[in-house]
Structures are given as structure tokens and as C-alpha cells.
Amino acid sequence: MPVADPNIFSQTQRISLAQSELQLAQSNPQIHNLYQAYRSMYEALGVKDIDKLLKKPQNPTPKDPALEHIDALAGKPFQAFPGQDHRAHITSHLNFMATNIARNNPMIMASLEKNCFEHISLMAQEQIEVEFRQEMQQIMAMQQNPQAMQNPQIQMQMKMISEKIEARKAQLIADMMEEFTKEEKKITSQFDNDPIAKLRARELDLQAQENQRKREEGEERINLDKMRAMMNQQNQDEKLEQNEELANLRADTSIEKTILSKTIPSPGKG
């Protein structure tokens, strides 16, 4: 009897586990690392040169407002970075939000607003670092002294400084948001007074959501089909190898029987 290869069973287990992980990741990609899930699946399948097949996600880099608008149109993510001209980015986004192509697409408007809020937060943080430079240096010095951190008076002092900084930052953000809202209102007021435009925007929003759902389902279906095809091919290769081993074993057994029949004399012959 042929002996089963234990590596085949363990590999089948790894593939099944990786497939389950991939399906879970695809069900909620916002909280999963899809790249790692696919990579684990390819590793379980024994695929070589995975880096040539699977594109590694690139770290986000600062972009000018025009490139960010292109990303918004393509549905790609983009983000604000420290040191950028935050007011210039916000002004550019507000001007782009006034265009018909942006106004009629809620997803584009949402991505632009999100980026504006990121710039507002960074702008407030950078202002805090200027206004409270000495206080922040004082906090860092305290944190580097473990013995001082055990002092209740030092702890209370740090708490008061932190609360003062956070209160000032909140006020800065409130002021900036008020300014941003006024500018945005100039754009959306024209849109709000046009019922046809509002209806059209709603239709586009629903259509965009439906297209996004179909696109995600299509991509998941294609990826799963590829995985199944690779698994089926691997299973076929394993079956062929097992059949070949079994055929060789049968052939060896037949040869042994033939040899034995020739070497052992028949009972009637003396």
C-alpha cells in the first residue's frame, strides 16, 4: 500500500487557512491588510516570485493640489502632510469643489472635505508648536526624567500644560472650521437652491455606490476564481503524482509476482 505524503495534507491545511483569512479580509477591507492576506495565500499555494505578481502598496507621499484632484476623480486616497501650505491646499480644493464635476459627485466632495479637515488639524498643530514651544520642550524634559514623573506636583504641572495646549488647539480648529464653513457655504448655497441639481446629485450618489459595490464584488469574484484555479491545478498535479506513484507501485508488484512465479516450482513438478 502506498504511504500518503504528510506534506500534502499540511499544505492543504495551510491553503484552506489562508483562503479563510483572505475571505475574511475581503469582507471588511477597511480593518484588514489585504496585501498581506493575498501574500499569505500565494505563499500557501507555493507560488514563486510573489513580488512580481503582487504589487506592494506604496507609502503615501505629499502631492500638489492638482494631483490630489486627479486622485479624487479616480477614487484614490490622498492625505495631508506636515509642512505643506495648508491654506493653499484648502483654497485649491474649495475652488475645485465649485466645479460641476465635483459638485455632482458626493464621493469626490467627501474626499476633498476630508483632506481639508486634515489640513486644518495640521495647521492648528503647527500653530500650537509655535505658540507653546517652551511648554512642549518642558514636557519632553519631564518625560525623560523618570524620577520627576513620580512627583505628584510635576504630574499636576504636566496635566495643566497639556490641558492648556489642547484647549488652545481646539479653539484654533474651531476658528479655522468657521472660516472654512463660510467659504464652503458660498459654493454649496448655489447647489442647495437648485432642486434639480440636488436630485441629480442624489442619483449620481446612488449610482456611484452601486458601481462601487459591483466593482468590489467583481474584483472579489475574479480573485477567488484565480485562487480556485490555482488550487485546482495544484490538486490535479498532486493527483497525477499520486497516480504515477501508485502505477509504479503496481508495476513493481506485478514484476515481483512474475519473478516469483518463475522461481517457485509448481506443486505437481518434482
C-alpha atoms as a PDB file:
ATOM      1  CA  MET A   1       0.000   0.000   0.000  1.00  0.00           C
ATOM      2  CA  PRO A   2       1.316   3.471  -0.880  1.00  0.00           C
ATOM      3  CA  VAL A   3       2.095   5.727   2.062  1.00  0.00           C
ATOM      4  CA  ALA A   4       0.416   9.176   1.970  1.00  0.00           C
ATOM      5  CA  ASP A   5       2.757  12.148   1.935  1.00  0.00           C
ATOM      6  CA  PRO A   6       2.179  14.137   5.186  1.00  0.00           C
ATOM      7  CA  ASN A   7       3.389  17.322   3.469  1.00  0.00           C
ATOM      8  CA  ILE A   8       0.396  17.225   1.102  1.00  0.00           C
ATOM      9  CA  PHE A   9      -2.082  17.247   3.995  1.00  0.00           C
ATOM     10  CA  SER A  10      -0.282  20.021   5.849  1.00  0.00           C
ATOM     11  CA  GLN A  11      -0.106  22.117   2.679  1.00  0.00           C
ATOM     12  CA  THR A  12      -3.822  21.600   2.101  1.00  0.00           C
ATOM     13  CA  GLN A  13      -4.450  22.840   5.618  1.00  0.00           C
ATOM     14  CA  ARG A  14      -2.309  25.921   5.020  1.00  0.00           C
ATOM     15  CA  ILE A  15      -4.157  26.713   1.791  1.00  0.00           C
ATOM     16  CA  SER A  16      -7.548  26.301   3.473  1.00  0.00           C
ATOM     17  CA  LEU A  17      -6.493  28.550   6.368  1.00  0.00           C
ATOM     18  CA  ALA A  18      -5.064  31.204   4.047  1.00  0.00           C
ATOM     19  CA  GLN A  19      -8.223  31.143   1.931  1.00  0.00           C
ATOM     20  CA  SER A  20     -10.385  31.658   5.018  1.00  0.00           C
ATOM     21  CA  GLU A  21      -8.189  34.580   6.102  1.00  0.00           C
ATOM     22  CA  LEU A  22      -8.430  36.121   2.648  1.00  0.00           C
ATOM     23  CA  GLN A  23     -12.215  35.842   2.570  1.00  0.00           C
ATOM     24  CA  LEU A  24     -12.464  37.469   6.000  1.00  0.00           C
ATOM     25  CA  ALA A  25     -10.171  40.297   4.906  1.00  0.00           C
ATOM     26  CA  GLN A  26     -12.188  40.869   1.735  1.00  0.00           C
ATOM     27  CA  SER A  27     -15.411  41.020   3.751  1.00  0.00           C
ATOM     28  CA  ASN A  28     -14.149  44.090   5.639  1.00  0.00           C
ATOM     29  CA  PRO A  29     -11.085  45.551   3.875  1.00  0.00           C
ATOM     30  CA  GLN A  30     -11.144  48.755   5.953  1.00  0.00           C
ATOM     31  CA  ILE A  31      -9.774  46.969   9.027  1.00  0.00           C
ATOM     32  CA  HIS A  32      -7.619  44.339   7.286  1.00  0.00           C
ATOM     33  CA  ASN A  33      -4.332  44.283   5.412  1.00  0.00           C
ATOM     34  CA  LEU A  34      -5.442  42.902   2.040  1.00  0.00           C
ATOM     35  CA  TYR A  35      -1.911  42.884   0.680  1.00  0.00           C
ATOM     36  CA  GLN A  36      -0.718  40.587   3.470  1.00  0.00           C
ATOM     37  CA  ALA A  37      -3.803  38.385   3.123  1.00  0.00           C
ATOM     38  CA  TYR A  38      -3.106  37.841  -0.594  1.00  0.00           C
ATOM     39  CA  ARG A  39       0.569  37.314   0.073  1.00  0.00           C
ATOM     40  CA  SER A  40      -0.197  34.632   2.660  1.00  0.00           C
ATOM     41  CA  MET A  41      -2.477  32.929   0.135  1.00  0.00           C
ATOM     42  CA  TYR A  42       0.218  32.879  -2.545  1.00  0.00           C
ATOM     43  CA  GLU A  43       2.777  31.604  -0.036  1.00  0.00           C
ATOM     44  CA  ALA A  44       0.433  28.770   0.969  1.00  0.00           C
ATOM     45  CA  LEU A  45      -0.003  27.871  -2.702  1.00  0.00           C
ATOM     46  CA  GLY A  46       3.766  27.722  -3.107  1.00  0.00           C
ATOM     47  CA  VAL A  47       3.845  30.499  -5.721  1.00  0.00           C
ATOM     48  CA  LYS A  48       7.354  31.687  -6.557  1.00  0.00           C
ATOM     49  CA  ASP A  49       8.346  35.296  -7.257  1.00  0.00           C
ATOM     50  CA  ILE A  50       5.305  36.694  -5.447  1.00  0.00           C
ATOM     51  CA  ASP A  51       6.698  40.227  -5.687  1.00  0.00           C
ATOM     52  CA  LYS A  52       6.473  40.025  -9.482  1.00  0.00           C
ATOM     53  CA  LEU A  53       2.817  39.025  -9.245  1.00  0.00           C
ATOM     54  CA  LEU A  54       1.602  41.074  -6.271  1.00  0.00           C
ATOM     55  CA  LYS A  55       2.171  44.823  -6.202  1.00  0.00           C
ATOM     56  CA  LYS A  56       3.410  46.042  -2.839  1.00  0.00           C
ATOM     57  CA  PRO A  57       1.368  49.027  -1.587  1.00  0.00           C
ATOM     58  CA  GLN A  58       3.315  52.265  -1.699  1.00  0.00           C
ATOM     59  CA  ASN A  59       3.529  54.621   1.234  1.00  0.00           C
ATOM     60  CA  PRO A  60       1.581  57.856   0.664  1.00  0.00           C
ATOM     61  CA  THR A  61       3.649  60.866  -0.356  1.00  0.00           C
ATOM     62  CA  PRO A  62       2.881  64.615  -0.402  1.00  0.00           C
ATOM     63  CA  LYS A  63       1.202  65.802  -3.609  1.00  0.00           C
ATOM     64  CA  ASP A  64       0.229  69.139  -5.055  1.00  0.00           C
ATOM     65  CA  PRO A  65      -3.490  70.052  -5.102  1.00  0.00           C
ATOM     66  CA  ALA A  66      -3.876  69.267  -8.812  1.00  0.00           C
ATOM     67  CA  LEU A  67      -2.643  65.697  -8.341  1.00  0.00           C
ATOM     68  CA  GLU A  68      -4.942  65.354  -5.346  1.00  0.00           C
ATOM     69  CA  HIS A  69      -7.859  66.407  -7.534  1.00  0.00           C
ATOM     70  CA  ILE A  70      -6.868  63.731 -10.033  1.00  0.00           C
ATOM     71  CA  ASP A  71      -6.830  61.167  -7.232  1.00  0.00           C
ATOM     72  CA  ALA A  72     -10.254  62.372  -6.075  1.00  0.00           C
ATOM     73  CA  LEU A  73     -11.643  61.873  -9.582  1.00  0.00           C
ATOM     74  CA  ALA A  74     -10.125  58.388  -9.727  1.00  0.00           C
ATOM     75  CA  GLY A  75     -11.392  57.446  -6.272  1.00  0.00           C
ATOM     76  CA  LYS A  76      -7.847  57.066  -4.930  1.00  0.00           C
ATOM     77  CA  PRO A  77      -6.892  58.053  -1.368  1.00  0.00           C
ATOM     78  CA  PHE A  78      -4.715  61.064  -0.610  1.00  0.00           C
ATOM     79  CA  GLN A  79      -3.763  62.827   2.583  1.00  0.00           C
ATOM     80  CA  ALA A  80      -2.301  65.997   4.037  1.00  0.00           C
ATOM     81  CA  PHE A  81       1.269  66.175   5.367  1.00  0.00           C
ATOM     82  CA  PRO A  82       3.029  68.461   7.842  1.00  0.00           C
ATOM     83  CA  GLY A  83       4.902  71.359   6.305  1.00  0.00           C
ATOM     84  CA  GLN A  84       2.563  71.783   3.328  1.00  0.00           C
ATOM     85  CA  ASP A  85       0.950  75.112   2.505  1.00  0.00           C
ATOM     86  CA  HIS A  86      -2.306  74.131   4.145  1.00  0.00           C
ATOM     87  CA  ARG A  87      -4.245  77.278   3.229  1.00  0.00           C
ATOM     88  CA  ALA A  88      -3.219  76.954  -0.413  1.00  0.00           C
ATOM     89  CA  HIS A  89      -4.419  73.338  -0.482  1.00  0.00           C
ATOM     90  CA  ILE A  90      -7.733  74.247   1.156  1.00  0.00           C
ATOM     91  CA  THR A  91      -8.290  77.163  -1.236  1.00  0.00           C
ATOM     92  CA  SER A  92      -7.497  74.962  -4.220  1.00  0.00           C
ATOM     93  CA  HIS A  93      -9.911  72.276  -3.011  1.00  0.00           C
ATOM     94  CA  LEU A  94     -12.675  74.835  -2.440  1.00  0.00           C
ATOM     95  CA  ASN A  95     -12.242  76.140  -5.975  1.00  0.00           C
ATOM     96  CA  PHE A  96     -12.359  72.604  -7.358  1.00  0.00           C
ATOM     97  CA  MET A  97     -15.459  71.842  -5.285  1.00  0.00           C
ATOM     98  CA  ALA A  98     -17.200  74.666  -7.161  1.00  0.00           C
ATOM     99  CA  THR A  99     -16.839  72.839 -10.480  1.00  0.00           C
ATOM    100  CA  ASN A 100     -19.759  70.820 -11.854  1.00  0.00           C
ATOM    101  CA  ILE A 101     -17.795  67.576 -11.957  1.00  0.00           C
ATOM    102  CA  ALA A 102     -17.068  67.819  -8.226  1.00  0.00           C
ATOM    103  CA  ARG A 103     -20.395  69.283  -7.121  1.00  0.00           C
ATOM    104  CA  ASN A 104     -22.325  66.476  -8.799  1.00  0.00           C
ATOM    105  CA  ASN A 105     -20.260  63.710  -7.204  1.00  0.00           C
ATOM    106  CA  PRO A 106     -20.691  63.319  -3.422  1.00  0.00           C
ATOM    107  CA  MET A 107     -17.772  60.893  -3.191  1.00  0.00           C
ATOM    108  CA  ILE A 108     -15.402  63.480  -4.661  1.00  0.00           C
ATOM    109  CA  MET A 109     -16.785  66.163  -2.372  1.00  0.00           C
ATOM    110  CA  ALA A 110     -16.312  63.909   0.659  1.00  0.00           C
ATOM    111  CA  SER A 111     -12.692  63.113  -0.202  1.00  0.00           C
ATOM    112  CA  LEU A 112     -11.906  66.811  -0.691  1.00  0.00           C
ATOM    113  CA  GLU A 113     -13.587  67.802   2.571  1.00  0.00           C
ATOM    114  CA  LYS A 114     -11.725  65.048   4.416  1.00  0.00           C
ATOM    115  CA  ASN A 115      -8.438  66.379   3.093  1.00  0.00           C
ATOM    116  CA  CYS A 116      -9.383  69.930   4.062  1.00  0.00           C
ATOM    117  CA  PHE A 117     -10.056  68.769   7.623  1.00  0.00           C
ATOM    118  CA  GLU A 118      -6.653  67.070   7.690  1.00  0.00           C
ATOM    119  CA  HIS A 119      -5.018  70.348   6.641  1.00  0.00           C
ATOM    120  CA  ILE A 120      -6.957  72.236   9.316  1.00  0.00           C
ATOM    121  CA  SER A 121      -5.802  69.807  12.005  1.00  0.00           C
ATOM    122  CA  LEU A 122      -2.181  70.016  10.878  1.00  0.00           C
ATOM    123  CA  MET A 123      -2.372  73.786  10.581  1.00  0.00           C
ATOM    124  CA  ALA A 124      -3.619  74.023  14.172  1.00  0.00           C
ATOM    125  CA  GLN A 125      -0.937  71.619  15.402  1.00  0.00           C
ATOM    126  CA  GLU A 126       1.828  73.599  13.705  1.00  0.00           C
ATOM    127  CA  GLN A 127       0.484  76.805  15.239  1.00  0.00           C
ATOM    128  CA  ILE A 128       0.483  75.130  18.664  1.00  0.00           C
ATOM    129  CA  GLU A 129       4.126  74.126  18.219  1.00  0.00           C
ATOM    130  CA  VAL A 130       4.983  77.787  17.635  1.00  0.00           C
ATOM    131  CA  GLU A 131       2.918  79.232  20.488  1.00  0.00           C
ATOM    132  CA  PHE A 132       3.846  76.590  23.078  1.00  0.00           C
ATOM    133  CA  ARG A 133       7.418  75.815  22.071  1.00  0.00           C
ATOM    134  CA  GLN A 134       8.806  76.302  25.579  1.00  0.00           C
ATOM    135  CA  GLU A 135       5.972  74.409  27.263  1.00  0.00           C
ATOM    136  CA  MET A 136       6.339  71.445  24.910  1.00  0.00           C
ATOM    137  CA  GLN A 137      10.087  71.342  25.479  1.00  0.00           C
ATOM    138  CA  GLN A 138       9.398  71.395  29.203  1.00  0.00           C
ATOM    139  CA  ILE A 139       7.036  68.436  28.889  1.00  0.00           C
ATOM    140  CA  MET A 140       9.596  66.461  26.883  1.00  0.00           C
ATOM    141  CA  ALA A 141      12.261  67.139  29.509  1.00  0.00           C
ATOM    142  CA  MET A 142       9.936  65.940  32.257  1.00  0.00           C
ATOM    143  CA  GLN A 143       9.065  62.763  30.361  1.00  0.00           C
ATOM    144  CA  GLN A 144      12.754  61.916  30.013  1.00  0.00           C
ATOM    145  CA  ASN A 145      13.204  62.067  33.790  1.00  0.00           C
ATOM    146  CA  PRO A 146      11.541  59.005  35.370  1.00  0.00           C
ATOM    147  CA  GLN A 147      12.132  60.244  38.900  1.00  0.00           C
ATOM    148  CA  ALA A 148      10.471  63.592  38.194  1.00  0.00           C
ATOM    149  CA  MET A 149       7.488  61.792  36.703  1.00  0.00           C
ATOM    150  CA  GLN A 150       6.863  60.193  40.108  1.00  0.00           C
ATOM    151  CA  ASN A 151       6.431  63.611  41.711  1.00  0.00           C
ATOM    152  CA  PRO A 152       2.713  64.472  42.080  1.00  0.00           C
ATOM    153  CA  GLN A 153       3.434  68.173  41.631  1.00  0.00           C
ATOM    154  CA  ILE A 154       5.238  67.503  38.356  1.00  0.00           C
ATOM    155  CA  GLN A 155       2.379  65.304  37.202  1.00  0.00           C
ATOM    156  CA  MET A 156      -0.136  68.034  38.007  1.00  0.00           C
ATOM    157  CA  GLN A 157       2.002  70.611  36.196  1.00  0.00           C
ATOM    158  CA  MET A 158       2.203  68.431  33.084  1.00  0.00           C
ATOM    159  CA  LYS A 159      -1.532  67.861  33.167  1.00  0.00           C
ATOM    160  CA  MET A 160      -2.247  71.594  33.364  1.00  0.00           C
ATOM    161  CA  ILE A 161       0.130  72.348  30.473  1.00  0.00           C
ATOM    162  CA  SER A 162      -1.383  69.571  28.331  1.00  0.00           C
ATOM    163  CA  GLU A 163      -4.918  70.771  29.019  1.00  0.00           C
ATOM    164  CA  LYS A 164      -3.930  74.325  28.149  1.00  0.00           C
ATOM    165  CA  ILE A 165      -2.403  73.183  24.866  1.00  0.00           C
ATOM    166  CA  GLU A 166      -5.396  71.037  23.939  1.00  0.00           C
ATOM    167  CA  ALA A 167      -7.806  73.885  24.759  1.00  0.00           C
ATOM    168  CA  ARG A 168      -5.872  76.273  22.547  1.00  0.00           C
ATOM    169  CA  LYS A 169      -5.731  73.733  19.725  1.00  0.00           C
ATOM    170  CA  ALA A 170      -9.477  73.155  19.939  1.00  0.00           C
ATOM    171  CA  GLN A 171     -10.070  76.898  19.721  1.00  0.00           C
ATOM    172  CA  LEU A 172      -7.786  77.227  16.707  1.00  0.00           C
ATOM    173  CA  ILE A 173      -9.608  74.385  14.944  1.00  0.00           C
ATOM    174  CA  ALA A 174     -12.992  75.956  15.755  1.00  0.00           C
ATOM    175  CA  ASP A 175     -11.891  79.279  14.248  1.00  0.00           C
ATOM    176  CA  MET A 176     -10.467  77.605  11.159  1.00  0.00           C
ATOM    177  CA  MET A 177     -13.564  75.464  10.715  1.00  0.00           C
ATOM    178  CA  GLU A 178     -15.772  78.555  10.918  1.00  0.00           C
ATOM    179  CA  GLU A 179     -13.723  80.211   8.200  1.00  0.00           C
ATOM    180  CA  PHE A 180     -13.793  77.045   6.086  1.00  0.00           C
ATOM    181  CA  THR A 181     -17.545  76.627   6.521  1.00  0.00           C
ATOM    182  CA  LYS A 182     -18.205  80.173   5.353  1.00  0.00           C
ATOM    183  CA  GLU A 183     -16.178  79.629   2.200  1.00  0.00           C
ATOM    184  CA  GLU A 184     -17.769  76.241   1.565  1.00  0.00           C
ATOM    185  CA  LYS A 185     -21.231  77.680   2.074  1.00  0.00           C
ATOM    186  CA  LYS A 186     -20.665  80.087  -0.791  1.00  0.00           C
ATOM    187  CA  ILE A 187     -20.247  77.044  -3.009  1.00  0.00           C
ATOM    188  CA  THR A 188     -22.960  74.797  -1.627  1.00  0.00           C
ATOM    189  CA  SER A 189     -25.576  77.568  -1.354  1.00  0.00           C
ATOM    190  CA  GLN A 190     -25.838  77.673  -5.121  1.00  0.00           C
ATOM    191  CA  PHE A 191     -26.210  73.924  -5.136  1.00  0.00           C
ATOM    192  CA  ASP A 192     -28.775  73.862  -2.297  1.00  0.00           C
ATOM    193  CA  ASN A 193     -31.060  76.308  -4.110  1.00  0.00           C
ATOM    194  CA  ASP A 194     -31.218  74.130  -7.205  1.00  0.00           C
ATOM    195  CA  PRO A 195     -33.638  71.195  -6.608  1.00  0.00           C
ATOM    196  CA  ILE A 196     -32.794  69.630  -9.962  1.00  0.00           C
ATOM    197  CA  ALA A 197     -29.108  69.657  -9.118  1.00  0.00           C
ATOM    198  CA  LYS A 198     -29.833  68.100  -5.724  1.00  0.00           C
ATOM    199  CA  LEU A 199     -31.904  65.337  -7.333  1.00  0.00           C
ATOM    200  CA  ARG A 200     -29.201  64.731  -9.902  1.00  0.00           C
ATOM    201  CA  ALA A 201     -26.557  64.568  -7.173  1.00  0.00           C
ATOM    202  CA  ARG A 202     -28.623  62.024  -5.280  1.00  0.00           C
ATOM    203  CA  GLU A 203     -28.954  59.896  -8.399  1.00  0.00           C
ATOM    204  CA  LEU A 204     -25.217  60.108  -9.004  1.00  0.00           C
ATOM    205  CA  ASP A 205     -24.534  59.204  -5.397  1.00  0.00           C
ATOM    206  CA  LEU A 206     -26.691  56.085  -5.595  1.00  0.00           C
ATOM    207  CA  GLN A 207     -25.191  55.169  -8.947  1.00  0.00           C
ATOM    208  CA  ALA A 208     -21.659  55.634  -7.623  1.00  0.00           C
ATOM    209  CA  GLN A 209     -22.419  53.437  -4.620  1.00  0.00           C
ATOM    210  CA  GLU A 210     -23.897  50.747  -6.843  1.00  0.00           C
ATOM    211  CA  ASN A 211     -20.931  50.904  -9.232  1.00  0.00           C
ATOM    212  CA  GLN A 212     -18.528  50.677  -6.312  1.00  0.00           C
ATOM    213  CA  ARG A 213     -20.375  47.657  -4.938  1.00  0.00           C
ATOM    214  CA  LYS A 214     -20.345  45.907  -8.314  1.00  0.00           C
ATOM    215  CA  ARG A 215     -16.688  46.707  -8.829  1.00  0.00           C
ATOM    216  CA  GLU A 216     -15.736  45.288  -5.422  1.00  0.00           C
ATOM    217  CA  GLU A 217     -17.855  42.180  -5.968  1.00  0.00           C
ATOM    218  CA  GLY A 218     -16.337  41.718  -9.408  1.00  0.00           C
ATOM    219  CA  GLU A 219     -12.804  42.036  -8.085  1.00  0.00           C
ATOM    220  CA  GLU A 220     -13.507  39.602  -5.262  1.00  0.00           C
ATOM    221  CA  ARG A 221     -15.051  37.123  -7.710  1.00  0.00           C
ATOM    222  CA  ILE A 222     -12.077  37.377 -10.065  1.00  0.00           C
ATOM    223  CA  ASN A 223      -9.584  36.934  -7.237  1.00  0.00           C
ATOM    224  CA  LEU A 224     -11.445  33.940  -5.829  1.00  0.00           C
ATOM    225  CA  ASP A 225     -11.690  32.374  -9.310  1.00  0.00           C
ATOM    226  CA  LYS A 226      -7.941  32.788  -9.725  1.00  0.00           C
ATOM    227  CA  MET A 227      -7.333  31.210  -6.350  1.00  0.00           C
ATOM    228  CA  ARG A 228      -9.668  28.298  -7.133  1.00  0.00           C
ATOM    229  CA  ALA A 229      -7.989  27.762 -10.499  1.00  0.00           C
ATOM    230  CA  MET A 230      -4.565  27.686  -8.864  1.00  0.00           C
ATOM    231  CA  MET A 231      -5.801  25.326  -6.152  1.00  0.00           C
ATOM    232  CA  ASN A 232      -7.468  23.035  -8.723  1.00  0.00           C
ATOM    233  CA  GLN A 233      -4.291  22.958 -10.790  1.00  0.00           C
ATOM    234  CA  GLN A 234      -2.238  22.115  -7.734  1.00  0.00           C
ATOM    235  CA  ASN A 235      -4.702  19.395  -6.704  1.00  0.00           C
ATOM    236  CA  GLN A 236      -4.571  17.923 -10.218  1.00  0.00           C
ATOM    237  CA  ASP A 237      -0.783  17.936 -10.145  1.00  0.00           C
ATOM    238  CA  GLU A 238      -0.830  16.189  -6.759  1.00  0.00           C
ATOM    239  CA  LYS A 239      -3.336  13.590  -8.013  1.00  0.00           C
ATOM    240  CA  LEU A 240      -1.237  12.939 -11.120  1.00  0.00           C
ATOM    241  CA  GLU A 241       1.833  12.492  -8.959  1.00  0.00           C
ATOM    242  CA  GLN A 242      -0.019  10.126  -6.623  1.00  0.00           C
ATOM    243  CA  ASN A 243      -1.445   8.154  -9.573  1.00  0.00           C
ATOM    244  CA  GLU A 244       2.005   7.905 -11.082  1.00  0.00           C
ATOM    245  CA  GLU A 245       3.431   6.631  -7.807  1.00  0.00           C
ATOM    246  CA  LEU A 246       0.566   4.149  -7.479  1.00  0.00           C
ATOM    247  CA  ALA A 247       1.063   2.958 -11.061  1.00  0.00           C
ATOM    248  CA  ASN A 248       4.770   2.466 -10.438  1.00  0.00           C
ATOM    249  CA  LEU A 249       3.976   0.565  -7.257  1.00  0.00           C
ATOM    250  CA  ARG A 250       1.530  -1.692  -9.118  1.00  0.00           C
ATOM    251  CA  ALA A 251       4.061  -2.245 -11.868  1.00  0.00           C
ATOM    252  CA  ASP A 252       6.726  -3.182  -9.314  1.00  0.00           C
ATOM    253  CA  THR A 253       4.265  -5.558  -7.627  1.00  0.00           C
ATOM    254  CA  SER A 254       3.402  -7.176 -10.969  1.00  0.00           C
ATOM    255  CA  ILE A 255       7.075  -7.647 -11.793  1.00  0.00           C
ATOM    256  CA  GLU A 256       7.688  -9.217  -8.398  1.00  0.00           C
ATOM    257  CA  LYS A 257       4.788 -11.637  -8.923  1.00  0.00           C
ATOM    258  CA  THR A 258       6.140 -12.593 -12.323  1.00  0.00           C
ATOM    259  CA  ILE A 259       9.598 -13.232 -10.918  1.00  0.00           C
ATOM    260  CA  LEU A 260       8.183 -15.271  -8.051  1.00  0.00           C
ATOM    261  CA  SER A 261       6.054 -17.355 -10.396  1.00  0.00           C
ATOM    262  CA  LYS A 262       9.144 -18.241 -12.416  1.00  0.00           C
ATOM    263  CA  THR A 263      11.398 -19.025  -9.478  1.00  0.00           C
ATOM    264  CA  ILE A 264       8.972 -21.051  -7.334  1.00  0.00           C
ATOM    265  CA  PRO A 265       8.299 -24.531  -8.794  1.00  0.00           C
ATOM    266  CA  SER A 266       4.746 -25.738  -9.332  1.00  0.00           C
ATOM    267  CA  PRO A 267       3.383 -28.310  -6.791  1.00  0.00           C
ATOM    268  CA  GLY A 268       2.959 -31.044  -9.407  1.00  0.00           C
ATOM    269  CA  LYS A 269       6.510 -30.919 -10.593  1.00  0.00           C
ATOM    270  CA  GLY A 270       9.190 -32.770  -8.738  1.00  0.00           C
END
